[in-house]
N, C-alpha and C. Protein backbone atom coordinates (compact mmCIF):
# COMPACT_ATOMS: atom_id res chain seq x y z
N MET A 1 -68.97 -38.57 -2.86
CA MET A 1 -68.98 -37.25 -2.78
C MET A 1 -68.18 -36.76 -4.05
N SER A 2 -68.40 -35.53 -4.82
CA SER A 2 -67.63 -34.86 -5.84
C SER A 2 -66.73 -33.51 -5.23
N HIS A 3 -65.68 -33.60 -5.54
CA HIS A 3 -65.01 -32.58 -5.15
C HIS A 3 -64.39 -31.46 -6.32
N TYR A 4 -64.27 -29.95 -6.27
CA TYR A 4 -63.69 -29.53 -7.35
C TYR A 4 -62.37 -29.73 -7.32
N TYR A 5 -61.55 -30.41 -6.86
CA TYR A 5 -60.26 -30.96 -6.68
C TYR A 5 -60.36 -32.22 -7.13
N ASP A 6 -61.57 -33.16 -7.95
CA ASP A 6 -61.63 -34.43 -8.38
C ASP A 6 -61.30 -34.01 -9.41
N GLU A 7 -60.27 -35.22 -10.44
CA GLU A 7 -60.25 -35.13 -11.69
C GLU A 7 -61.39 -34.67 -12.59
N ASN A 8 -62.50 -35.73 -12.57
CA ASN A 8 -63.76 -35.88 -12.90
C ASN A 8 -65.10 -35.42 -12.22
N PRO A 9 -65.47 -34.54 -11.85
CA PRO A 9 -66.70 -34.27 -10.91
C PRO A 9 -67.75 -34.49 -11.38
N GLU A 10 -68.31 -35.70 -10.47
CA GLU A 10 -69.92 -36.36 -10.88
C GLU A 10 -70.70 -35.60 -10.89
N VAL A 11 -70.99 -34.26 -10.41
CA VAL A 11 -72.00 -33.54 -10.42
C VAL A 11 -72.66 -32.98 -11.93
N GLN A 12 -73.93 -33.00 -11.91
CA GLN A 12 -74.32 -32.64 -13.12
C GLN A 12 -73.92 -31.10 -13.42
N SER A 13 -73.52 -30.76 -14.84
CA SER A 13 -73.27 -29.89 -15.28
C SER A 13 -74.58 -28.70 -15.23
N ASP A 14 -73.94 -27.49 -14.76
CA ASP A 14 -74.85 -26.25 -14.63
C ASP A 14 -73.99 -25.00 -15.06
N GLU A 15 -73.97 -24.86 -16.48
CA GLU A 15 -73.26 -23.83 -17.00
C GLU A 15 -73.58 -22.42 -16.90
N LYS A 16 -72.88 -21.50 -16.35
CA LYS A 16 -73.99 -20.21 -16.13
C LYS A 16 -72.32 -19.21 -16.78
N THR A 17 -72.79 -17.73 -16.90
CA THR A 17 -71.86 -16.97 -17.11
C THR A 17 -71.41 -15.74 -16.35
N ILE A 18 -70.53 -15.19 -15.73
CA ILE A 18 -70.28 -14.31 -14.92
C ILE A 18 -69.26 -12.98 -15.26
N GLN A 19 -69.16 -12.50 -15.03
CA GLN A 19 -68.24 -11.29 -15.39
C GLN A 19 -67.56 -10.93 -14.55
N TYR A 20 -65.98 -10.75 -14.63
CA TYR A 20 -64.90 -10.47 -13.53
C TYR A 20 -64.39 -9.04 -14.10
N PHE A 21 -63.96 -7.72 -13.17
CA PHE A 21 -63.54 -6.61 -13.49
C PHE A 21 -62.30 -6.58 -12.70
N TYR A 22 -61.09 -5.87 -13.53
CA TYR A 22 -59.98 -5.21 -12.81
C TYR A 22 -60.03 -3.99 -13.50
N HIS A 23 -59.97 -2.67 -12.73
CA HIS A 23 -60.16 -1.60 -13.30
C HIS A 23 -60.67 -1.53 -14.59
N LYS A 24 -60.13 -1.46 -15.80
CA LYS A 24 -60.68 -1.19 -17.05
C LYS A 24 -60.94 -2.70 -17.48
N SER A 25 -60.56 -3.55 -17.34
CA SER A 25 -60.41 -4.95 -17.75
C SER A 25 -61.57 -5.56 -17.33
N GLN A 26 -62.33 -6.16 -18.26
CA GLN A 26 -63.27 -7.12 -18.16
C GLN A 26 -63.22 -8.41 -18.80
N LEU A 27 -63.66 -9.90 -17.58
CA LEU A 27 -63.56 -11.11 -18.54
C LEU A 27 -64.88 -11.23 -18.43
N LYS A 28 -65.24 -12.12 -19.37
CA LYS A 28 -66.82 -12.90 -19.27
C LYS A 28 -66.40 -14.19 -19.25
N LEU A 29 -66.42 -15.01 -17.81
CA LEU A 29 -66.36 -16.30 -17.89
C LEU A 29 -67.45 -17.25 -17.74
N THR A 30 -67.18 -18.72 -18.11
CA THR A 30 -68.26 -19.30 -18.10
C THR A 30 -67.98 -20.09 -17.08
N THR A 31 -68.58 -20.38 -15.95
CA THR A 31 -68.58 -21.51 -15.12
C THR A 31 -69.54 -22.85 -14.56
N ASP A 32 -69.40 -23.35 -14.02
CA ASP A 32 -69.99 -24.45 -13.98
C ASP A 32 -70.12 -25.25 -12.73
N ALA A 33 -71.32 -26.40 -12.46
CA ALA A 33 -71.29 -27.09 -11.06
C ALA A 33 -69.73 -28.07 -11.16
N GLY A 34 -69.55 -28.12 -10.15
CA GLY A 34 -68.29 -29.01 -9.59
C GLY A 34 -66.96 -28.57 -10.02
N VAL A 35 -66.68 -26.80 -10.12
CA VAL A 35 -65.76 -26.40 -9.99
C VAL A 35 -65.83 -25.38 -9.06
N PHE A 36 -64.43 -24.67 -8.66
CA PHE A 36 -64.37 -24.23 -7.20
C PHE A 36 -64.88 -22.52 -7.47
N SER A 37 -65.64 -21.91 -6.81
CA SER A 37 -66.29 -20.75 -6.54
C SER A 37 -67.54 -20.50 -8.11
N LYS A 38 -68.35 -21.16 -8.59
CA LYS A 38 -68.91 -21.04 -9.75
C LYS A 38 -69.66 -19.92 -9.65
N GLY A 39 -70.26 -19.14 -8.48
CA GLY A 39 -71.29 -18.48 -8.27
C GLY A 39 -70.60 -16.82 -8.82
N LYS A 40 -69.32 -16.73 -8.41
CA LYS A 40 -68.49 -15.44 -8.70
C LYS A 40 -66.90 -15.67 -8.54
N VAL A 41 -66.12 -15.05 -8.93
CA VAL A 41 -64.91 -15.10 -8.65
C VAL A 41 -64.58 -14.82 -7.14
N ASP A 42 -64.08 -15.55 -6.42
CA ASP A 42 -64.04 -15.58 -4.72
C ASP A 42 -62.88 -14.31 -4.46
N PHE A 43 -63.33 -14.20 -3.58
CA PHE A 43 -62.34 -12.94 -2.95
C PHE A 43 -60.92 -13.30 -2.83
N GLY A 44 -60.67 -14.30 -2.41
CA GLY A 44 -59.22 -14.57 -2.51
C GLY A 44 -58.37 -14.45 -3.57
N SER A 45 -59.39 -15.21 -5.12
CA SER A 45 -58.59 -15.05 -6.10
C SER A 45 -58.28 -13.45 -6.47
N ASP A 46 -59.50 -12.84 -6.24
CA ASP A 46 -59.56 -11.31 -7.14
C ASP A 46 -58.08 -10.75 -6.11
N LEU A 47 -58.22 -11.10 -4.77
CA LEU A 47 -56.92 -10.21 -3.94
C LEU A 47 -55.66 -10.25 -4.30
N LEU A 48 -55.64 -11.97 -4.57
CA LEU A 48 -53.95 -12.09 -5.37
C LEU A 48 -53.99 -11.50 -6.56
N VAL A 49 -55.14 -11.84 -7.29
CA VAL A 49 -54.92 -10.76 -8.89
C VAL A 49 -54.19 -9.31 -8.25
N GLN A 50 -55.09 -8.58 -7.67
CA GLN A 50 -55.01 -7.33 -7.30
C GLN A 50 -53.61 -6.90 -6.85
N THR A 51 -53.19 -8.23 -5.72
CA THR A 51 -51.68 -7.87 -5.38
C THR A 51 -50.57 -7.83 -6.15
N PHE A 52 -50.90 -9.02 -7.16
CA PHE A 52 -49.88 -9.14 -7.82
C PHE A 52 -49.77 -8.53 -8.85
N LEU A 53 -50.68 -7.99 -9.46
CA LEU A 53 -50.50 -6.53 -10.60
C LEU A 53 -50.52 -5.33 -9.57
N ASN A 54 -50.33 -5.17 -8.75
CA ASN A 54 -50.09 -3.75 -8.02
C ASN A 54 -48.30 -3.98 -7.93
N GLU A 55 -47.96 -5.25 -7.64
CA GLU A 55 -46.52 -5.07 -7.17
C GLU A 55 -45.78 -5.50 -8.52
N HIS A 56 -46.47 -6.17 -9.78
CA HIS A 56 -45.84 -6.31 -10.93
C HIS A 56 -46.67 -5.77 -11.81
N PRO A 57 -46.69 -4.51 -12.45
CA PRO A 57 -47.41 -3.80 -13.32
C PRO A 57 -46.88 -4.04 -14.35
N PRO A 58 -47.94 -4.03 -15.73
CA PRO A 58 -47.46 -4.64 -17.08
C PRO A 58 -46.02 -3.81 -17.12
N GLY A 59 -45.06 -4.84 -17.81
CA GLY A 59 -43.45 -5.07 -18.25
C GLY A 59 -43.20 -5.80 -19.03
N PRO A 60 -41.92 -5.77 -18.98
CA PRO A 60 -41.03 -6.95 -19.76
C PRO A 60 -41.83 -8.54 -19.57
N SER A 61 -41.54 -9.18 -20.71
CA SER A 61 -42.07 -10.47 -20.61
C SER A 61 -41.50 -11.48 -19.38
N LYS A 62 -42.59 -11.99 -18.43
CA LYS A 62 -42.39 -12.95 -17.66
C LYS A 62 -42.90 -13.82 -17.87
N ARG A 63 -42.73 -15.26 -17.53
CA ARG A 63 -43.16 -16.59 -17.28
C ARG A 63 -44.00 -16.81 -15.85
N ILE A 64 -44.89 -17.35 -15.80
CA ILE A 64 -45.92 -17.10 -14.81
C ILE A 64 -46.98 -18.58 -15.16
N ILE A 65 -46.91 -19.04 -13.88
CA ILE A 65 -47.64 -20.36 -14.21
C ILE A 65 -48.99 -20.22 -12.81
N ASP A 66 -50.20 -20.58 -12.96
CA ASP A 66 -51.34 -20.31 -12.32
C ASP A 66 -51.58 -21.80 -11.97
N VAL A 67 -51.26 -22.29 -10.60
CA VAL A 67 -51.72 -23.68 -10.28
C VAL A 67 -53.00 -24.04 -9.65
N GLY A 68 -53.79 -24.85 -10.32
CA GLY A 68 -55.05 -25.33 -9.80
C GLY A 68 -55.70 -23.72 -10.29
N CYS A 69 -56.03 -23.47 -11.62
CA CYS A 69 -56.36 -22.48 -12.21
C CYS A 69 -58.01 -22.72 -12.24
N GLY A 70 -58.70 -23.49 -12.15
CA GLY A 70 -60.00 -23.29 -12.06
C GLY A 70 -60.38 -23.20 -13.39
N TYR A 71 -61.72 -22.38 -13.56
CA TYR A 71 -62.05 -21.63 -14.88
C TYR A 71 -61.27 -20.79 -15.39
N GLY A 72 -60.26 -20.11 -14.69
CA GLY A 72 -59.28 -19.05 -15.35
C GLY A 72 -59.31 -17.84 -14.79
N PRO A 73 -59.92 -17.69 -13.50
CA PRO A 73 -59.91 -15.76 -13.36
C PRO A 73 -58.47 -15.56 -13.19
N ILE A 74 -57.74 -15.95 -12.31
CA ILE A 74 -56.32 -15.45 -11.83
C ILE A 74 -55.27 -15.37 -13.59
N GLY A 75 -55.26 -16.86 -13.58
CA GLY A 75 -54.30 -16.35 -15.17
C GLY A 75 -54.85 -15.57 -16.17
N LEU A 76 -56.13 -15.93 -16.57
CA LEU A 76 -56.76 -14.92 -17.44
C LEU A 76 -57.01 -13.63 -17.38
N MET A 77 -57.14 -13.15 -16.33
CA MET A 77 -57.23 -11.76 -16.24
C MET A 77 -55.85 -10.99 -15.81
N ILE A 78 -54.31 -11.96 -15.59
CA ILE A 78 -53.25 -11.21 -15.13
C ILE A 78 -52.67 -11.41 -16.67
N ALA A 79 -53.06 -12.50 -17.34
CA ALA A 79 -52.55 -12.52 -19.23
C ALA A 79 -53.40 -11.38 -20.03
N LYS A 80 -54.68 -10.78 -19.68
CA LYS A 80 -55.17 -10.21 -20.47
C LYS A 80 -54.70 -8.54 -20.03
N VAL A 81 -54.40 -8.31 -18.46
CA VAL A 81 -54.11 -7.11 -18.20
C VAL A 81 -52.12 -6.63 -18.75
N SER A 82 -51.61 -7.91 -18.51
CA SER A 82 -50.30 -8.01 -19.04
C SER A 82 -49.87 -8.75 -20.39
N PRO A 83 -50.06 -8.71 -21.56
CA PRO A 83 -50.16 -9.09 -22.47
C PRO A 83 -48.68 -9.67 -23.38
N HIS A 84 -47.78 -8.91 -22.89
CA HIS A 84 -46.42 -9.19 -23.27
C HIS A 84 -45.98 -11.00 -22.22
N HIS A 85 -46.50 -11.40 -21.07
CA HIS A 85 -46.16 -12.09 -20.34
C HIS A 85 -46.59 -13.46 -20.69
N GLN A 86 -46.04 -14.93 -20.65
CA GLN A 86 -46.29 -15.98 -21.19
C GLN A 86 -47.04 -16.70 -19.47
N MET A 87 -48.45 -16.89 -19.82
CA MET A 87 -48.73 -17.53 -19.04
C MET A 87 -49.34 -18.96 -19.20
N THR A 88 -49.20 -20.13 -18.32
CA THR A 88 -49.44 -21.17 -18.07
C THR A 88 -50.63 -21.42 -16.63
N MET A 89 -51.44 -22.63 -17.33
CA MET A 89 -52.67 -22.78 -16.37
C MET A 89 -52.75 -24.30 -16.54
N VAL A 90 -52.76 -24.44 -14.89
CA VAL A 90 -53.32 -25.88 -14.96
C VAL A 90 -53.68 -26.02 -13.63
N ASP A 91 -54.70 -27.54 -13.85
CA ASP A 91 -55.47 -27.76 -12.89
C ASP A 91 -55.50 -29.59 -12.98
N VAL A 92 -56.44 -30.15 -12.14
CA VAL A 92 -56.55 -31.19 -12.36
C VAL A 92 -57.91 -31.68 -12.26
N ASN A 93 -58.65 -31.14 -12.46
CA ASN A 93 -59.84 -30.89 -12.70
C ASN A 93 -60.19 -31.04 -14.02
N HIS A 94 -60.70 -32.03 -14.82
CA HIS A 94 -60.85 -31.83 -15.91
C HIS A 94 -62.27 -31.09 -16.96
N ARG A 95 -63.27 -30.63 -15.86
CA ARG A 95 -64.33 -29.79 -16.18
C ARG A 95 -63.78 -28.23 -16.28
N ALA A 96 -62.85 -28.09 -15.28
CA ALA A 96 -62.31 -26.68 -14.83
C ALA A 96 -61.51 -26.61 -16.05
N LEU A 97 -60.67 -27.52 -16.78
CA LEU A 97 -59.83 -27.33 -17.66
C LEU A 97 -60.68 -26.91 -18.97
N HIS A 98 -61.46 -27.55 -19.12
CA HIS A 98 -62.32 -27.58 -20.38
C HIS A 98 -63.05 -26.11 -20.50
N LEU A 99 -63.74 -25.59 -19.13
CA LEU A 99 -63.90 -23.80 -18.89
C LEU A 99 -62.81 -23.23 -19.58
N ALA A 100 -61.46 -23.10 -18.45
CA ALA A 100 -60.55 -22.09 -18.93
C ALA A 100 -60.27 -22.33 -20.38
N GLU A 101 -60.24 -23.25 -21.11
CA GLU A 101 -59.99 -23.35 -22.55
C GLU A 101 -60.94 -22.61 -23.23
N LYS A 102 -62.31 -22.72 -22.70
CA LYS A 102 -63.74 -21.69 -23.74
C LYS A 102 -63.70 -20.52 -23.00
N ASN A 103 -62.82 -20.05 -21.75
CA ASN A 103 -63.11 -18.77 -21.52
C ASN A 103 -61.79 -17.92 -21.85
N LYS A 104 -60.73 -18.54 -22.46
CA LYS A 104 -59.28 -18.06 -23.15
C LYS A 104 -59.62 -17.46 -24.37
N LYS A 105 -60.79 -18.49 -25.09
CA LYS A 105 -60.94 -18.60 -26.22
C LYS A 105 -62.08 -16.97 -26.43
N GLN A 106 -63.06 -17.31 -25.62
CA GLN A 106 -64.26 -15.97 -25.73
C GLN A 106 -63.80 -14.99 -25.75
N ASN A 107 -62.45 -14.78 -24.74
CA ASN A 107 -61.99 -13.53 -24.40
C ASN A 107 -61.06 -12.89 -24.91
N GLN A 108 -60.56 -13.75 -25.80
CA GLN A 108 -59.32 -13.62 -27.32
C GLN A 108 -58.07 -13.38 -26.46
N ILE A 109 -57.99 -14.51 -25.54
CA ILE A 109 -56.14 -14.09 -24.84
C ILE A 109 -55.55 -15.17 -25.53
N ASP A 110 -54.30 -14.82 -26.44
CA ASP A 110 -53.44 -15.71 -26.79
C ASP A 110 -52.20 -15.73 -26.03
N ASN A 111 -51.95 -15.30 -24.88
CA ASN A 111 -50.86 -15.56 -24.49
C ASN A 111 -50.65 -16.72 -23.45
N VAL A 112 -51.38 -17.70 -23.68
CA VAL A 112 -52.17 -18.70 -22.25
C VAL A 112 -51.78 -20.05 -22.62
N ILE A 113 -51.46 -20.73 -22.17
CA ILE A 113 -51.51 -22.09 -22.38
C ILE A 113 -51.77 -22.94 -21.14
N ILE A 114 -52.99 -23.58 -21.39
CA ILE A 114 -53.87 -24.44 -20.48
C ILE A 114 -53.45 -25.68 -20.57
N THR A 115 -52.93 -26.34 -19.56
CA THR A 115 -52.84 -27.67 -19.47
C THR A 115 -53.13 -28.74 -18.21
N GLU A 116 -53.30 -30.01 -18.09
CA GLU A 116 -53.46 -30.94 -17.01
C GLU A 116 -52.14 -31.14 -16.31
N SER A 117 -52.71 -30.75 -14.78
CA SER A 117 -51.49 -31.17 -14.23
C SER A 117 -51.69 -31.51 -12.69
N ASP A 118 -51.62 -32.20 -11.87
CA ASP A 118 -51.68 -32.17 -10.28
C ASP A 118 -50.54 -31.59 -9.79
N GLY A 119 -51.02 -30.51 -9.54
CA GLY A 119 -50.12 -29.59 -9.01
C GLY A 119 -49.13 -29.22 -9.96
N LEU A 120 -47.90 -29.01 -9.75
CA LEU A 120 -46.74 -28.72 -10.98
C LEU A 120 -46.43 -29.91 -11.23
N SER A 121 -46.49 -31.24 -10.82
CA SER A 121 -45.92 -32.34 -11.14
C SER A 121 -45.90 -33.23 -12.46
N GLN A 122 -46.77 -32.37 -13.38
CA GLN A 122 -46.57 -32.86 -14.82
C GLN A 122 -46.38 -31.77 -15.56
N VAL A 123 -45.73 -30.61 -15.16
CA VAL A 123 -45.07 -29.69 -16.24
C VAL A 123 -43.57 -30.16 -16.07
N GLU A 124 -42.98 -30.10 -17.42
CA GLU A 124 -41.41 -30.30 -17.30
C GLU A 124 -40.99 -29.79 -18.33
N ASN A 125 -39.96 -29.62 -17.94
CA ASN A 125 -38.58 -28.69 -18.70
C ASN A 125 -39.26 -27.17 -19.04
N GLU A 126 -39.92 -26.79 -18.05
CA GLU A 126 -40.38 -25.08 -18.05
C GLU A 126 -39.77 -24.77 -16.44
N TYR A 127 -39.54 -23.61 -16.30
CA TYR A 127 -39.05 -23.04 -15.29
C TYR A 127 -39.68 -21.63 -15.36
N PHE A 128 -40.11 -20.93 -14.20
CA PHE A 128 -41.18 -19.73 -14.33
C PHE A 128 -40.52 -18.79 -13.57
N ASP A 129 -41.05 -17.17 -13.77
CA ASP A 129 -40.49 -16.33 -12.72
C ASP A 129 -41.64 -16.14 -11.50
N PHE A 130 -42.77 -16.69 -11.80
CA PHE A 130 -43.82 -16.38 -10.41
C PHE A 130 -44.61 -17.82 -10.72
N VAL A 131 -45.09 -18.20 -9.58
CA VAL A 131 -45.65 -19.31 -9.43
C VAL A 131 -47.08 -18.85 -8.68
N LEU A 132 -48.35 -18.67 -9.28
CA LEU A 132 -49.35 -18.13 -8.07
C LEU A 132 -50.31 -19.34 -8.18
N THR A 133 -50.84 -19.14 -6.78
CA THR A 133 -51.78 -20.62 -6.49
C THR A 133 -52.94 -19.88 -5.67
N ASN A 134 -54.54 -20.13 -5.70
CA ASN A 134 -55.14 -20.40 -4.78
C ASN A 134 -55.33 -21.94 -4.41
N PRO A 135 -55.04 -22.25 -3.50
CA PRO A 135 -54.72 -23.64 -3.42
C PRO A 135 -55.67 -24.43 -3.05
N PRO A 136 -55.57 -25.84 -3.34
CA PRO A 136 -57.17 -26.46 -2.94
C PRO A 136 -57.05 -26.55 -1.47
N ILE A 137 -57.48 -25.73 -0.66
CA ILE A 137 -57.17 -26.56 0.97
C ILE A 137 -57.86 -27.48 1.42
N ARG A 138 -59.00 -27.69 0.78
CA ARG A 138 -59.80 -29.01 1.01
C ARG A 138 -59.60 -30.42 0.48
N ALA A 139 -58.40 -30.10 -0.23
CA ALA A 139 -57.65 -31.50 -0.57
C ALA A 139 -56.59 -32.03 0.43
N GLY A 140 -56.60 -31.28 1.33
CA GLY A 140 -55.46 -31.29 2.60
C GLY A 140 -54.24 -30.56 2.60
N LYS A 141 -53.66 -30.82 3.74
CA LYS A 141 -52.74 -29.85 3.87
C LYS A 141 -51.14 -30.33 3.01
N ASN A 142 -51.01 -31.93 3.01
CA ASN A 142 -50.57 -32.66 2.25
C ASN A 142 -50.21 -32.27 0.73
N VAL A 143 -51.21 -32.00 0.19
CA VAL A 143 -51.65 -31.84 -1.13
C VAL A 143 -50.90 -29.89 -1.36
N VAL A 144 -51.64 -29.15 -0.60
CA VAL A 144 -51.15 -27.73 -0.39
C VAL A 144 -49.61 -27.49 -0.32
N HIS A 145 -49.17 -28.38 0.84
CA HIS A 145 -47.90 -28.09 1.13
C HIS A 145 -46.83 -28.83 -0.09
N ARG A 146 -47.42 -29.92 -0.23
CA ARG A 146 -46.60 -30.48 -1.85
C ARG A 146 -46.56 -29.31 -3.31
N ILE A 147 -47.36 -28.48 -3.52
CA ILE A 147 -47.44 -27.28 -4.30
C ILE A 147 -46.61 -26.61 -4.01
N PHE A 148 -46.24 -26.01 -2.59
CA PHE A 148 -44.98 -25.54 -2.61
C PHE A 148 -43.93 -25.64 -2.92
N GLU A 149 -43.70 -27.28 -2.33
CA GLU A 149 -42.51 -27.51 -2.68
C GLU A 149 -42.14 -27.73 -4.19
N GLU A 150 -43.02 -28.03 -4.71
CA GLU A 150 -42.94 -28.05 -6.33
C GLU A 150 -43.05 -26.54 -7.04
N ALA A 151 -43.22 -25.69 -6.33
CA ALA A 151 -43.28 -24.56 -6.79
C ALA A 151 -41.56 -24.29 -6.82
N TYR A 152 -41.02 -24.47 -5.94
CA TYR A 152 -39.54 -24.14 -5.60
C TYR A 152 -38.65 -24.71 -6.52
N GLN A 153 -39.20 -25.95 -6.86
CA GLN A 153 -38.05 -26.51 -8.23
C GLN A 153 -38.29 -26.09 -9.29
N LYS A 154 -39.74 -25.57 -9.35
CA LYS A 154 -40.08 -24.78 -10.77
C LYS A 154 -39.67 -23.60 -10.91
N LEU A 155 -39.65 -22.89 -10.04
CA LEU A 155 -39.14 -21.27 -9.74
C LEU A 155 -37.56 -21.08 -10.13
N LYS A 156 -37.15 -20.24 -11.40
CA LYS A 156 -35.86 -19.71 -11.54
C LYS A 156 -35.47 -19.02 -10.47
N ASN A 157 -34.16 -18.94 -10.62
CA ASN A 157 -33.41 -18.32 -9.24
C ASN A 157 -34.21 -16.61 -9.13
N GLN A 158 -34.12 -16.20 -7.99
CA GLN A 158 -35.05 -14.98 -8.03
C GLN A 158 -36.57 -14.87 -7.94
N GLY A 159 -36.94 -15.91 -8.15
CA GLY A 159 -38.58 -16.38 -8.77
C GLY A 159 -39.48 -16.27 -7.45
N GLU A 160 -40.51 -16.04 -7.59
CA GLU A 160 -41.43 -15.84 -6.44
C GLU A 160 -42.41 -16.82 -6.60
N LEU A 161 -42.74 -17.15 -5.35
CA LEU A 161 -44.52 -17.77 -5.13
C LEU A 161 -45.41 -16.95 -4.48
N TYR A 162 -46.39 -16.95 -4.96
CA TYR A 162 -47.27 -16.01 -4.22
C TYR A 162 -48.76 -16.83 -3.80
N VAL A 163 -49.01 -16.69 -2.99
CA VAL A 163 -49.80 -18.02 -2.26
C VAL A 163 -51.39 -17.27 -1.83
N VAL A 164 -52.46 -17.39 -1.83
CA VAL A 164 -53.60 -16.62 -1.21
C VAL A 164 -54.18 -17.81 -0.18
N VAL A 165 -54.49 -17.69 1.16
CA VAL A 165 -54.98 -18.52 1.96
C VAL A 165 -55.81 -17.99 2.86
N GLN A 166 -57.03 -18.19 3.38
CA GLN A 166 -57.53 -17.93 4.87
C GLN A 166 -56.80 -17.96 5.91
N LYS A 167 -56.96 -17.05 7.17
CA LYS A 167 -56.03 -17.61 8.07
C LYS A 167 -56.91 -18.52 9.04
N LYS A 168 -58.05 -18.66 8.73
CA LYS A 168 -58.85 -19.83 9.66
C LYS A 168 -58.61 -20.99 8.96
N GLN A 169 -58.40 -21.25 7.44
CA GLN A 169 -58.00 -22.51 6.79
C GLN A 169 -56.76 -22.75 6.64
N GLY A 170 -55.76 -22.26 7.46
CA GLY A 170 -54.61 -22.72 7.44
C GLY A 170 -53.13 -21.92 7.20
N MET A 171 -53.67 -20.47 7.36
CA MET A 171 -52.37 -20.02 6.72
C MET A 171 -51.40 -20.21 7.65
N PRO A 172 -51.26 -20.02 9.03
CA PRO A 172 -50.47 -20.31 9.98
C PRO A 172 -49.19 -21.26 9.37
N SER A 173 -50.01 -22.58 9.22
CA SER A 173 -49.11 -23.44 8.82
C SER A 173 -48.52 -23.56 7.64
N ALA A 174 -49.43 -23.01 6.28
CA ALA A 174 -48.49 -22.56 5.20
C ALA A 174 -47.66 -21.67 5.22
N LYS A 175 -47.66 -20.45 5.82
CA LYS A 175 -46.35 -19.53 6.36
C LYS A 175 -45.08 -20.59 6.94
N LYS A 176 -45.30 -21.21 7.36
CA LYS A 176 -44.34 -21.92 8.19
C LYS A 176 -43.78 -22.61 7.24
N LYS A 177 -44.56 -23.28 6.51
CA LYS A 177 -44.39 -24.36 5.28
C LYS A 177 -43.28 -23.43 4.42
N MET A 178 -43.69 -22.53 3.88
CA MET A 178 -43.22 -21.73 2.94
C MET A 178 -41.92 -21.50 3.27
N GLU A 179 -41.86 -20.98 4.79
CA GLU A 179 -40.52 -20.49 5.33
C GLU A 179 -39.57 -21.46 5.25
N GLU A 180 -40.11 -22.83 5.66
CA GLU A 180 -39.21 -23.84 5.70
C GLU A 180 -38.53 -24.21 4.57
N ILE A 181 -39.28 -23.97 3.72
CA ILE A 181 -38.85 -24.26 2.04
C ILE A 181 -37.98 -23.44 1.41
N PHE A 182 -38.32 -22.14 1.63
CA PHE A 182 -37.77 -20.83 0.74
C PHE A 182 -36.68 -20.06 1.77
N ASN A 183 -36.86 -20.39 2.86
CA ASN A 183 -35.88 -19.81 3.92
C ASN A 183 -36.38 -18.02 4.13
N ASN A 184 -37.85 -18.06 3.71
CA ASN A 184 -38.11 -16.27 3.51
C ASN A 184 -39.71 -16.44 3.50
N VAL A 185 -40.53 -15.61 3.99
CA VAL A 185 -42.14 -15.53 3.71
C VAL A 185 -42.31 -14.33 3.96
N GLU A 186 -43.33 -13.71 3.51
CA GLU A 186 -43.61 -12.22 3.98
C GLU A 186 -45.06 -12.07 3.78
N THR A 187 -45.73 -11.64 4.10
CA THR A 187 -47.31 -11.43 4.02
C THR A 187 -47.47 -9.93 3.05
N VAL A 188 -47.86 -9.97 2.07
CA VAL A 188 -48.08 -8.85 1.41
C VAL A 188 -49.29 -7.99 1.28
N ASN A 189 -50.15 -8.76 1.30
CA ASN A 189 -51.69 -8.15 1.57
C ASN A 189 -52.40 -8.96 2.56
N LYS A 190 -53.31 -8.29 3.07
CA LYS A 190 -54.56 -9.03 3.93
C LYS A 190 -55.39 -8.71 3.58
N SER A 191 -56.72 -9.05 3.61
CA SER A 191 -58.16 -8.35 4.08
C SER A 191 -58.82 -9.62 4.10
N LYS A 192 -60.07 -9.09 5.14
CA LYS A 192 -61.28 -9.74 5.27
C LYS A 192 -60.78 -11.16 5.70
N GLY A 193 -59.43 -11.36 6.34
CA GLY A 193 -59.12 -12.69 6.71
C GLY A 193 -58.42 -13.60 6.02
N TYR A 194 -58.23 -13.58 4.56
CA TYR A 194 -57.56 -13.59 3.82
C TYR A 194 -55.94 -13.29 3.41
N TYR A 195 -54.75 -13.66 3.45
CA TYR A 195 -53.48 -13.24 3.51
C TYR A 195 -52.86 -13.61 2.00
N ILE A 196 -52.01 -12.95 1.57
CA ILE A 196 -51.16 -13.03 0.33
C ILE A 196 -49.88 -13.20 1.06
N LEU A 197 -49.16 -14.62 0.92
CA LEU A 197 -47.96 -14.68 1.17
C LEU A 197 -46.71 -14.53 0.02
N LYS A 198 -45.72 -14.76 0.17
CA LYS A 198 -44.86 -14.38 -0.90
C LYS A 198 -43.73 -15.11 -0.47
N SER A 199 -42.92 -15.73 -0.99
CA SER A 199 -41.51 -16.31 -0.60
C SER A 199 -41.06 -16.28 -2.08
N GLN A 200 -39.60 -15.92 -2.10
CA GLN A 200 -38.67 -15.86 -3.01
C GLN A 200 -37.62 -16.91 -3.24
N LYS A 201 -37.26 -17.49 -4.25
CA LYS A 201 -36.00 -18.87 -4.29
C LYS A 201 -34.95 -18.20 -4.59
N GLY A 202 -33.73 -18.27 -3.92
CA GLY A 202 -32.46 -17.74 -4.10
C GLY A 202 -31.97 -16.60 -3.03
């Protein structure tokens, strides 16, 4: 059986185009079978975008990485709204990476690098001000917690990890793990059972 967190989804391709809005900014996004939330941008990803941009409105250039980017709604919208930032987007799913690259080009967003990585394990010699993730919950707790550990290693001092997770899909254990790794965690937003958790390094 094929899953969105597989490298090469076996399910037949079925591309479609959706629209994604944040205030006056709009993205035209191509999605496909075999990627996460192909029918529309999921509520959790949108809540993460809104929360991050509310806490960090456009300003001086920062280095940001979107881990498990899928077809790109989180990273591309933040990069569009905040063009001074340098956005890196990673995923393990080859179809998702192809779509993210396509969506970057069709929305004419230049401040983005898209590359393959399982979590942050293949991201070398780069450190970030922010790590953002809507983690692949269905891949299992070990995978999700490894992303948190790798985020700590890849964050600059005072850098922040933002995570969106549903309460019923492991929020308490995610919060506990983030506290364990960073010695701090806070809930910065919540809506409809989705929580935005934030930890700061240093």
